[in-house]
C-alpha atoms as a PDB file:
ATOM      1  CA  MET A   1       0.000   0.000   0.000  1.00  0.00           C
ATOM      2  CA  ALA A   2       2.804   2.398   0.863  1.00  0.00           C
ATOM      3  CA  ARG A   3       4.401   1.763  -2.499  1.00  0.00           C
ATOM      4  CA  ARG A   4       1.154   2.682  -4.255  1.00  0.00           C
ATOM      5  CA  ARG A   5       0.818   5.884  -2.289  1.00  0.00           C
ATOM      6  CA  LEU A   6       4.375   6.998  -2.909  1.00  0.00           C
ATOM      7  CA  PRO A   7       3.757   8.560  -6.359  1.00  0.00           C
ATOM      8  CA  TRP A   8       0.950  10.643  -4.899  1.00  0.00           C
ATOM      9  CA  ILE A   9       3.177  11.775  -2.070  1.00  0.00           C
ATOM     10  CA  ALA A  10       5.838  12.721  -4.596  1.00  0.00           C
ATOM     11  CA  LEU A  11       3.315  14.600  -6.734  1.00  0.00           C
ATOM     12  CA  VAL A  12       2.031  16.534  -3.730  1.00  0.00           C
ATOM     13  CA  LEU A  13       5.499  17.365  -2.438  1.00  0.00           C
ATOM     14  CA  LEU A  14       6.637  18.507  -5.866  1.00  0.00           C
ATOM     15  CA  GLY A  15       3.347  20.055  -6.938  1.00  0.00           C
ATOM     16  CA  VAL A  16       2.915  22.448  -4.024  1.00  0.00           C
ATOM     17  CA  PRO A  17       6.180  24.403  -4.491  1.00  0.00           C
ATOM     18  CA  VAL A  18       5.976  24.222  -8.302  1.00  0.00           C
ATOM     19  CA  LEU A  19       2.409  25.560  -8.378  1.00  0.00           C
ATOM     20  CA  THR A  20       3.359  28.183  -5.821  1.00  0.00           C
ATOM     21  CA  ALA A  21       6.260  29.277  -8.034  1.00  0.00           C
ATOM     22  CA  LEU A  22       4.214  29.297 -11.247  1.00  0.00           C
ATOM     23  CA  LEU A  23       0.902  30.685 -10.011  1.00  0.00           C
ATOM     24  CA  GLY A  24       2.101  32.636  -6.980  1.00  0.00           C
ATOM     25  CA  PRO A  25       2.950  35.931  -8.708  1.00  0.00           C
ATOM     26  CA  TRP A  26      -0.352  35.865 -10.604  1.00  0.00           C
ATOM     27  CA  THR A  27      -2.309  35.028  -7.434  1.00  0.00           C
ATOM     28  CA  ALA A  28      -0.613  37.706  -5.348  1.00  0.00           C
ATOM     29  CA  GLY A  29      -0.873  40.304  -8.101  1.00  0.00           C
ATOM     30  CA  GLY A  30       1.431  43.276  -8.585  1.00  0.00           C
ATOM     31  CA  GLU A  31       4.991  43.460  -7.364  1.00  0.00           C
ATOM     32  CA  ALA A  32       6.430  41.971  -4.196  1.00  0.00           C
ATOM     33  CA  PRO A  33       5.328  43.930  -1.099  1.00  0.00           C
ATOM     34  CA  GLN A  34       7.471  46.697   0.309  1.00  0.00           C
ATOM     35  CA  GLU A  35       7.973  47.782   3.903  1.00  0.00           C
ATOM     36  CA  GLY A  36       4.850  49.175   5.513  1.00  0.00           C
ATOM     37  CA  ALA A  37       3.893  47.152   8.587  1.00  0.00           C
ATOM     38  CA  LEU A  38       5.420  46.310  11.941  1.00  0.00           C
ATOM     39  CA  PRO A  39       8.370  43.914  11.550  1.00  0.00           C
ATOM     40  CA  SER A  40       8.300  40.254  12.615  1.00  0.00           C
ATOM     41  CA  ARG A  41       4.620  40.198  13.529  1.00  0.00           C
ATOM     42  CA  PRO A  42       2.945  36.781  13.979  1.00  0.00           C
ATOM     43  CA  PRO A  43       0.097  35.681  11.706  1.00  0.00           C
ATOM     44  CA  GLY A  44      -2.993  37.808  12.138  1.00  0.00           C
ATOM     45  CA  ALA A  45      -5.608  39.888  10.375  1.00  0.00           C
ATOM     46  CA  GLY A  46      -4.339  41.177   7.058  1.00  0.00           C
ATOM     47  CA  HIS A  47      -1.173  39.049   7.233  1.00  0.00           C
ATOM     48  CA  PRO A  48      -2.023  35.302   7.231  1.00  0.00           C
ATOM     49  CA  LEU A  49       1.652  34.345   7.660  1.00  0.00           C
ATOM     50  CA  GLY A  50       2.702  37.463   9.539  1.00  0.00           C
ATOM     51  CA  THR A  51       5.353  39.944   8.475  1.00  0.00           C
ATOM     52  CA  ASP A  52       9.098  39.608   7.962  1.00  0.00           C
ATOM     53  CA  VAL A  53      11.914  41.546   9.604  1.00  0.00           C
ATOM     54  CA  LEU A  54      11.314  44.442   7.200  1.00  0.00           C
ATOM     55  CA  GLY A  55       7.578  44.593   7.831  1.00  0.00           C
ATOM     56  CA  ARG A  56       6.582  42.958   4.542  1.00  0.00           C
ATOM     57  CA  ASP A  57       3.745  40.462   4.200  1.00  0.00           C
ATOM     58  CA  VAL A  58       5.278  36.963   4.307  1.00  0.00           C
ATOM     59  CA  LEU A  59       2.525  35.281   2.277  1.00  0.00           C
ATOM     60  CA  ALA A  60       2.958  37.738  -0.597  1.00  0.00           C
ATOM     61  CA  LEU A  61       6.732  37.325  -0.447  1.00  0.00           C
ATOM     62  CA  VAL A  62       6.451  33.538  -0.596  1.00  0.00           C
ATOM     63  CA  LEU A  63       4.081  33.728  -3.566  1.00  0.00           C
ATOM     64  CA  HIS A  64       6.489  35.993  -5.441  1.00  0.00           C
ATOM     65  CA  GLY A  65       9.728  34.225  -4.444  1.00  0.00           C
ATOM     66  CA  GLY A  66       9.277  30.777  -5.969  1.00  0.00           C
ATOM     67  CA  ALA A  67       9.686  31.847  -9.590  1.00  0.00           C
ATOM     68  CA  SER A  68      13.342  32.797  -9.112  1.00  0.00           C
ATOM     69  CA  VAL A  69      14.052  29.566  -7.225  1.00  0.00           C
ATOM     70  CA  LEU A  70      12.510  27.266  -9.819  1.00  0.00           C
ATOM     71  CA  GLY A  71      13.741  29.205 -12.838  1.00  0.00           C
ATOM     72  CA  SER A  72      17.316  29.481 -11.589  1.00  0.00           C
ATOM     73  CA  ALA A  73      17.588  25.803 -10.632  1.00  0.00           C
ATOM     74  CA  LEU A  74      16.090  24.555 -13.904  1.00  0.00           C
ATOM     75  CA  GLY A  75      18.244  26.950 -15.916  1.00  0.00           C
ATOM     76  CA  ALA A  76      21.452  25.817 -14.217  1.00  0.00           C
ATOM     77  CA  LEU A  77      20.477  22.147 -14.567  1.00  0.00           C
ATOM     78  CA  LEU A  78      19.755  22.635 -18.267  1.00  0.00           C
ATOM     79  CA  ILE A  79      23.161  24.257 -18.806  1.00  0.00           C
ATOM     80  CA  GLY A  80      24.868  21.346 -17.058  1.00  0.00           C
ATOM     81  CA  LEU A  81      23.042  18.754 -19.165  1.00  0.00           C
ATOM     82  CA  VAL A  82      23.387  20.552 -22.493  1.00  0.00           C
ATOM     83  CA  ALA A  83      27.139  20.927 -22.015  1.00  0.00           C
ATOM     84  CA  GLY A  84      27.861  17.736 -20.060  1.00  0.00           C
ATOM     85  CA  VAL A  85      26.059  15.105 -22.163  1.00  0.00           C
ATOM     86  CA  PRO A  86      27.861  15.889 -25.472  1.00  0.00           C
ATOM     87  CA  LEU A  87      31.220  16.092 -23.699  1.00  0.00           C
ATOM     88  CA  GLY A  88      30.599  12.704 -22.076  1.00  0.00           C
ATOM     89  CA  LEU A  89      29.697  11.146 -25.428  1.00  0.00           C
ATOM     90  CA  LEU A  90      32.748  12.742 -27.004  1.00  0.00           C
ATOM     91  CA  ALA A  91      35.011  11.319 -24.305  1.00  0.00           C
ATOM     92  CA  ALA A  92      33.486   7.861 -24.774  1.00  0.00           C
ATOM     93  CA  GLY A  93      34.442   7.851 -28.463  1.00  0.00           C
ATOM     94  CA  PRO A  94      37.148   5.688 -29.992  1.00  0.00           C
ATOM     95  CA  ARG A  95      39.872   8.327 -29.777  1.00  0.00           C
ATOM     96  CA  ARG A  96      41.819   7.759 -26.572  1.00  0.00           C
ATOM     97  CA  GLY A  97      43.674  11.061 -26.770  1.00  0.00           C
ATOM     98  CA  LEU A  98      40.423  12.995 -27.040  1.00  0.00           C
ATOM     99  CA  ASP A  99      39.055  11.133 -24.017  1.00  0.00           C
ATOM    100  CA  GLU A 100      42.079  12.121 -21.941  1.00  0.00           C
ATOM    101  CA  ALA A 101      41.963  15.752 -23.057  1.00  0.00           C
ATOM    102  CA  VAL A 102      38.254  16.151 -22.283  1.00  0.00           C
ATOM    103  CA  MET A 103      38.281  14.379 -18.922  1.00  0.00           C
ATOM    104  CA  ARG A 104      41.491  15.978 -17.632  1.00  0.00           C
ATOM    105  CA  GLY A 105      40.162  19.390 -18.557  1.00  0.00           C
ATOM    106  CA  LEU A 106      36.917  18.680 -16.688  1.00  0.00           C
ATOM    107  CA  ASP A 107      38.902  17.414 -13.692  1.00  0.00           C
ATOM    108  CA  VAL A 108      40.340  20.898 -13.314  1.00  0.00           C
ATOM    109  CA  LEU A 109      36.848  22.370 -13.106  1.00  0.00           C
ATOM    110  CA  LEU A 110      35.751  19.595 -10.748  1.00  0.00           C
ATOM    111  CA  ALA A 111      38.509  20.534  -8.299  1.00  0.00           C
ATOM    112  CA  PHE A 112      37.014  23.967  -7.571  1.00  0.00           C
ATOM    113  CA  PRO A 113      34.492  24.090  -4.675  1.00  0.00           C
ATOM    114  CA  GLY A 114      31.190  25.494  -5.916  1.00  0.00           C
ATOM    115  CA  LEU A 115      30.666  28.041  -3.163  1.00  0.00           C
ATOM    116  CA  LEU A 116      34.260  29.263  -3.479  1.00  0.00           C
ATOM    117  CA  VAL A 117      33.698  29.927  -7.185  1.00  0.00           C
ATOM    118  CA  LEU A 118      30.477  31.809  -6.437  1.00  0.00           C
ATOM    119  CA  MET A 119      32.228  33.806  -3.705  1.00  0.00           C
ATOM    120  CA  THR A 120      34.936  34.801  -6.191  1.00  0.00           C
ATOM    121  CA  LEU A 121      32.259  35.736  -8.702  1.00  0.00           C
ATOM    122  CA  ALA A 122      30.482  37.929  -6.145  1.00  0.00           C
ATOM    123  CA  ALA A 123      33.771  39.534  -5.068  1.00  0.00           C
ATOM    124  CA  THR A 124      34.399  40.648  -8.657  1.00  0.00           C
ATOM    125  CA  GLY A 125      31.020  42.363  -8.775  1.00  0.00           C
ATOM    126  CA  HIS A 126      29.191  39.801 -10.920  1.00  0.00           C
ATOM    127  CA  ARG A 127      26.075  39.374  -8.776  1.00  0.00           C
ATOM    128  CA  GLU A 128      23.457  39.343 -11.520  1.00  0.00           C
ATOM    129  CA  TRP A 129      21.190  36.290 -11.546  1.00  0.00           C
ATOM    130  CA  TYR A 130      22.347  35.147 -14.986  1.00  0.00           C
ATOM    131  CA  TRP A 131      25.961  34.966 -13.803  1.00  0.00           C
ATOM    132  CA  LEU A 132      24.881  32.912 -10.811  1.00  0.00           C
ATOM    133  CA  VAL A 133      22.837  30.501 -12.931  1.00  0.00           C
ATOM    134  CA  THR A 134      25.491  30.140 -15.641  1.00  0.00           C
ATOM    135  CA  VAL A 135      28.321  29.402 -13.227  1.00  0.00           C
ATOM    136  CA  ALA A 136      26.189  27.005 -11.163  1.00  0.00           C
ATOM    137  CA  GLY A 137      25.319  25.156 -14.361  1.00  0.00           C
ATOM    138  CA  LEU A 138      28.920  24.965 -15.568  1.00  0.00           C
ATOM    139  CA  LEU A 139      29.955  23.519 -12.213  1.00  0.00           C
ATOM    140  CA  GLN A 140      27.686  20.528 -12.930  1.00  0.00           C
ATOM    141  CA  VAL A 141      29.280  19.740 -16.292  1.00  0.00           C
ATOM    142  CA  PRO A 142      32.160  17.516 -15.037  1.00  0.00           C
ATOM    143  CA  ALA A 143      29.861  15.248 -13.007  1.00  0.00           C
ATOM    144  CA  VAL A 144      27.321  14.943 -15.841  1.00  0.00           C
ATOM    145  CA  ALA A 145      30.051  14.218 -18.391  1.00  0.00           C
ATOM    146  CA  ARG A 146      31.591  11.541 -16.162  1.00  0.00           C
ATOM    147  CA  LEU A 147      28.225   9.854 -15.712  1.00  0.00           C
ATOM    148  CA  VAL A 148      27.513   9.833 -19.456  1.00  0.00           C
ATOM    149  CA  ARG A 149      31.007   8.619 -20.303  1.00  0.00           C
ATOM    150  CA  GLY A 150      30.802   5.790 -17.769  1.00  0.00           C
ATOM    151  CA  ALA A 151      27.388   4.669 -19.011  1.00  0.00           C
ATOM    152  CA  ALA A 152      28.527   4.812 -22.632  1.00  0.00           C
ATOM    153  CA  LEU A 153      31.622   2.698 -21.873  1.00  0.00           C
ATOM    154  CA  THR A 154      29.754  -0.257 -20.352  1.00  0.00           C
ATOM    155  CA  PRO A 155      30.571  -3.570 -22.098  1.00  0.00           C
ATOM    156  CA  GLY A 156      27.086  -3.936 -23.584  1.00  0.00           C
ATOM    157  CA  SER A 157      27.087  -0.464 -25.021  1.00  0.00           C
ATOM    158  CA  ARG A 158      30.573  -0.794 -26.472  1.00  0.00           C
ATOM    159  CA  THR A 159      29.740  -4.115 -28.166  1.00  0.00           C
ATOM    160  CA  VAL A 160      26.681  -2.710 -29.884  1.00  0.00           C
ATOM    161  CA  VAL A 161      28.482   0.509 -30.807  1.00  0.00           C
ATOM    162  CA  GLU A 162      31.316  -1.452 -32.436  1.00  0.00           C
ATOM    163  CA  ALA A 163      28.810  -3.566 -34.343  1.00  0.00           C
ATOM    164  CA  LEU A 164      26.926  -0.503 -35.570  1.00  0.00           C
ATOM    165  CA  ARG A 165      30.192   1.174 -36.568  1.00  0.00           C
ATOM    166  CA  MET A 166      31.211  -1.891 -38.584  1.00  0.00           C
ATOM    167  CA  GLN A 167      27.845  -1.745 -40.362  1.00  0.00           C
ATOM    168  CA  GLY A 168      28.670   1.749 -41.541  1.00  0.00           C
ATOM    169  CA  HIS A 169      26.580   3.808 -39.157  1.00  0.00           C
ATOM    170  CA  GLY A 170      27.964   7.263 -38.452  1.00  0.00           C
ATOM    171  CA  TRP A 171      28.742   8.925 -35.114  1.00  0.00           C
ATOM    172  CA  ALA A 172      25.487  10.871 -35.034  1.00  0.00           C
ATOM    173  CA  SER A 173      23.363   7.813 -35.812  1.00  0.00           C
ATOM    174  CA  ILE A 174      25.039   5.693 -33.136  1.00  0.00           C
ATOM    175  CA  HIS A 175      25.061   8.286 -30.395  1.00  0.00           C
ATOM    176  CA  LEU A 176      21.776  10.045 -31.030  1.00  0.00           C
ATOM    177  CA  ARG A 177      19.686   6.958 -31.812  1.00  0.00           C
ATOM    178  CA  TYR A 178      21.115   4.056 -29.842  1.00  0.00           C
ATOM    179  CA  LEU A 179      23.128   5.564 -26.994  1.00  0.00           C
ATOM    180  CA  ALA A 180      20.532   8.275 -26.347  1.00  0.00           C
ATOM    181  CA  ARG A 181      17.990   5.583 -25.502  1.00  0.00           C
ATOM    182  CA  GLU A 182      20.473   3.665 -23.361  1.00  0.00           C
ATOM    183  CA  LEU A 183      21.536   6.767 -21.438  1.00  0.00           C
ATOM    184  CA  ALA A 184      18.041   8.180 -20.879  1.00  0.00           C
ATOM    185  CA  ALA A 185      17.438   6.328 -17.602  1.00  0.00           C
ATOM    186  CA  PRO A 186      20.783   7.083 -15.856  1.00  0.00           C
ATOM    187  CA  VAL A 187      20.750  10.701 -17.035  1.00  0.00           C
ATOM    188  CA  ALA A 188      17.162  11.182 -15.820  1.00  0.00           C
ATOM    189  CA  THR A 189      18.015   9.626 -12.458  1.00  0.00           C
ATOM    190  CA  ASP A 190      21.064  11.834 -12.106  1.00  0.00           C
ATOM    191  CA  ALA A 191      19.075  14.905 -13.173  1.00  0.00           C
ATOM    192  CA  GLY A 192      16.604  14.338 -10.333  1.00  0.00           C
ATOM    193  CA  GLY A 193      19.374  14.247  -7.759  1.00  0.00           C
ATOM    194  CA  ARG A 194      21.384  16.955  -9.497  1.00  0.00           C
ATOM    195  CA  PHE A 195      18.402  19.281  -9.356  1.00  0.00           C
ATOM    196  CA  ALA A 196      18.640  19.057  -5.563  1.00  0.00           C
ATOM    197  CA  VAL A 197      22.403  19.734  -5.752  1.00  0.00           C
ATOM    198  CA  VAL A 198      21.877  22.800  -7.936  1.00  0.00           C
ATOM    199  CA  LEU A 199      19.057  24.012  -5.721  1.00  0.00           C
ATOM    200  CA  TYR A 200      21.245  23.604  -2.637  1.00  0.00           C
ATOM    201  CA  LEU A 201      24.133  25.465  -4.282  1.00  0.00           C
ATOM    202  CA  LEU A 202      21.974  28.378  -5.437  1.00  0.00           C
ATOM    203  CA  ALA A 203      20.098  28.540  -2.135  1.00  0.00           C
ATOM    204  CA  SER A 204      23.389  28.523  -0.215  1.00  0.00           C
ATOM    205  CA  ALA A 205      24.735  31.339  -2.378  1.00  0.00           C
ATOM    206  CA  ASN A 206      21.612  33.419  -1.812  1.00  0.00           C
ATOM    207  CA  PHE A 207      21.603  32.563   1.888  1.00  0.00           C
ATOM    208  CA  LEU A 208      25.205  33.783   2.208  1.00  0.00           C
ATOM    209  CA  GLY A 209      24.447  36.971   0.323  1.00  0.00           C
ATOM    210  CA  LEU A 210      26.450  35.963  -2.770  1.00  0.00           C
ATOM    211  CA  GLY A 211      23.572  36.060  -5.200  1.00  0.00           C
ATOM    212  CA  LEU A 212      20.300  37.925  -5.249  1.00  0.00           C
ATOM    213  CA  PRO A 213      19.947  41.193  -3.304  1.00  0.00           C
ATOM    214  CA  ALA A 214      18.662  41.155   0.265  1.00  0.00           C
ATOM    215  CA  SER A 215      15.383  42.763  -0.826  1.00  0.00           C
ATOM    216  CA  SER A 216      14.562  39.815  -3.134  1.00  0.00           C
ATOM    217  CA  PRO A 217      11.560  37.627  -2.195  1.00  0.00           C
ATOM    218  CA  ASP A 218      13.539  34.508  -3.166  1.00  0.00           C
ATOM    219  CA  TRP A 219      12.838  31.737  -0.651  1.00  0.00           C
ATOM    220  CA  ALA A 220      16.495  31.276   0.293  1.00  0.00           C
ATOM    221  CA  VAL A 221      16.907  35.020   0.807  1.00  0.00           C
ATOM    222  CA  LEU A 222      13.797  35.044   3.004  1.00  0.00           C
ATOM    223  CA  ILE A 223      15.280  32.307   5.179  1.00  0.00           C
ATOM    224  CA  GLU A 224      18.524  34.231   5.596  1.00  0.00           C
ATOM    225  CA  ARG A 225      16.843  37.567   6.293  1.00  0.00           C
ATOM    226  CA  ASN A 226      14.416  36.193   8.865  1.00  0.00           C
ATOM    227  CA  SER A 227      16.591  33.622  10.642  1.00  0.00           C
ATOM    228  CA  PRO A 228      17.311  36.015  13.562  1.00  0.00           C
ATOM    229  CA  ALA A 229      13.542  36.158  14.205  1.00  0.00           C
ATOM    230  CA  LEU A 230      12.991  32.400  13.994  1.00  0.00           C
ATOM    231  CA  PHE A 231      11.496  32.101  17.479  1.00  0.00           C
ATOM    232  CA  THR A 232       9.393  35.242  17.343  1.00  0.00           C
ATOM    233  CA  GLN A 233       8.105  34.805  13.768  1.00  0.00           C
ATOM    234  CA  PRO A 234       8.839  31.195  12.708  1.00  0.00           C
ATOM    235  CA  ALA A 235       6.507  31.246   9.677  1.00  0.00           C
ATOM    236  CA  ALA A 236       8.831  33.639   7.844  1.00  0.00           C
ATOM    237  CA  VAL A 237      11.577  30.963   7.982  1.00  0.00           C
ATOM    238  CA  LEU A 238       9.745  27.630   8.109  1.00  0.00           C
ATOM    239  CA  VAL A 239       7.361  28.231   5.194  1.00  0.00           C
ATOM    240  CA  PRO A 240      10.038  29.005   2.552  1.00  0.00           C
ATOM    241  CA  ALA A 241      12.322  26.328   4.049  1.00  0.00           C
ATOM    242  CA  GLY A 242       9.502  23.779   3.822  1.00  0.00           C
ATOM    243  CA  LEU A 243       8.831  24.683   0.199  1.00  0.00           C
ATOM    244  CA  LEU A 244      12.507  24.274  -0.707  1.00  0.00           C
ATOM    245  CA  THR A 245      12.631  20.897   1.050  1.00  0.00           C
ATOM    246  CA  ALA A 246       9.443  19.688  -0.620  1.00  0.00           C
ATOM    247  CA  LEU A 247      10.801  20.708  -4.018  1.00  0.00           C
ATOM    248  CA  CYS A 248      13.969  18.626  -3.542  1.00  0.00           C
ATOM    249  CA  VAL A 249      12.351  15.553  -1.981  1.00  0.00           C
ATOM    250  CA  GLY A 250       9.357  15.518  -4.297  1.00  0.00           C
ATOM    251  CA  GLY A 251      11.498  15.740  -7.422  1.00  0.00           C
ATOM    252  CA  ASN A 252      13.741  12.865  -6.355  1.00  0.00           C
ATOM    253  CA  LEU A 253      10.813  10.647  -5.336  1.00  0.00           C
ATOM    254  CA  LEU A 254       8.950  11.247  -8.575  1.00  0.00           C
ATOM    255  CA  VAL A 255      11.952  10.466 -10.783  1.00  0.00           C
ATOM    256  CA  ASP A 256      12.696   7.288  -8.806  1.00  0.00           C
ATOM    257  CA  ARG A 257       9.109   6.055  -9.073  1.00  0.00           C
ATOM    258  CA  LEU A 258       8.836   6.783 -12.797  1.00  0.00           C
ATOM    259  CA  LEU A 259      12.051   4.902 -13.515  1.00  0.00           C
ATOM    260  CA  ALA A 260      10.957   1.982 -11.302  1.00  0.00           C
ATOM    261  CA  ALA A 261       7.647   1.802 -13.189  1.00  0.00           C
ATOM    262  CA  LYS A 262       9.525   1.817 -16.499  1.00  0.00           C
ATOM    263  CA  ARG A 263      11.688  -1.113 -15.382  1.00  0.00           C
ATOM    264  CA  ARG A 264       8.596  -3.123 -14.405  1.00  0.00           C
ATOM    265  CA  ASN A 265       6.863  -2.292 -17.688  1.00  0.00           C
ATOM    266  CA  PRO A 266       9.574  -1.960 -20.364  1.00  0.00           C
END
C-alpha cells in the first residue's frame, strides 16, 4: 500500500512548491510587497503568515519568491546537461587522446568548490542572476560528463556501438539513436538528484548573500533575512524552508518512481 501511495506523495510534495512558483505571482498580483507594517509580527488579520523583519507580508513574499528559485535551478540544470552530455559522449568515443583531453580538462573544473567559485564571482562584482545561474550550471558539467562517459563505456554499449560502426553507421546515428535511448534512464536519475544539488548550491549562495539582493523575495533570501527572528516569527523561515525541502524531496521521489515503473513495464 505504501508503495502505491508513494507517487501521490511525490506529486504533492513537488506540486505544491511548483504551483506556488508558477501561479504565486499571478495570485498575489502586482509586485512583491514593500515595507509598511510592523516587523516580525505573527500571523494575524491582514497578514495570514505574519510579516518579515522588514515589515513585509510573508505570504505575498512567498508567492512571489518561488519563480526565481525554480527558474534558476532549472536553468542551471539545463546548462549542465546541455554541455555535459555531449562532452561525455565525445570522451566515450574511440579516440583515446580525445578522451584524456576532455576528462582531464573537466577534472580541473571539478577541483574547484562550488561556493568558493560563487564567492569569487560575487567579489568581482558579478552578482546578476544570470551569472549565478550560468556558473552554477557549468559547475555541474564535469559530473554529468563523467556519468555519461561511464554509461557509454559499459561492455554492452561498447559491443553494440562497435557492431553498428562496422555496419557503416555514423557517429550521429550511433550516439543520437542508440546511446541516447540507453543513457536516458541514468541521465534522468542523475538529473533528479542533481536538481537538488543545484538548488542547494543556489540557495546557499543566496543565503550567504552571494547572489540575489537582500530585498529579493527569493525563498532562500527570506530564510537568511528572517533567521534572527525564527522564534518570534517562525513562519517567515519555516514556510520558505519547507517549500525548498518539498521541491527537492518531491522531485527525487517522482523520478525514482517513474524509472521503477519503467523497469517493471519496459
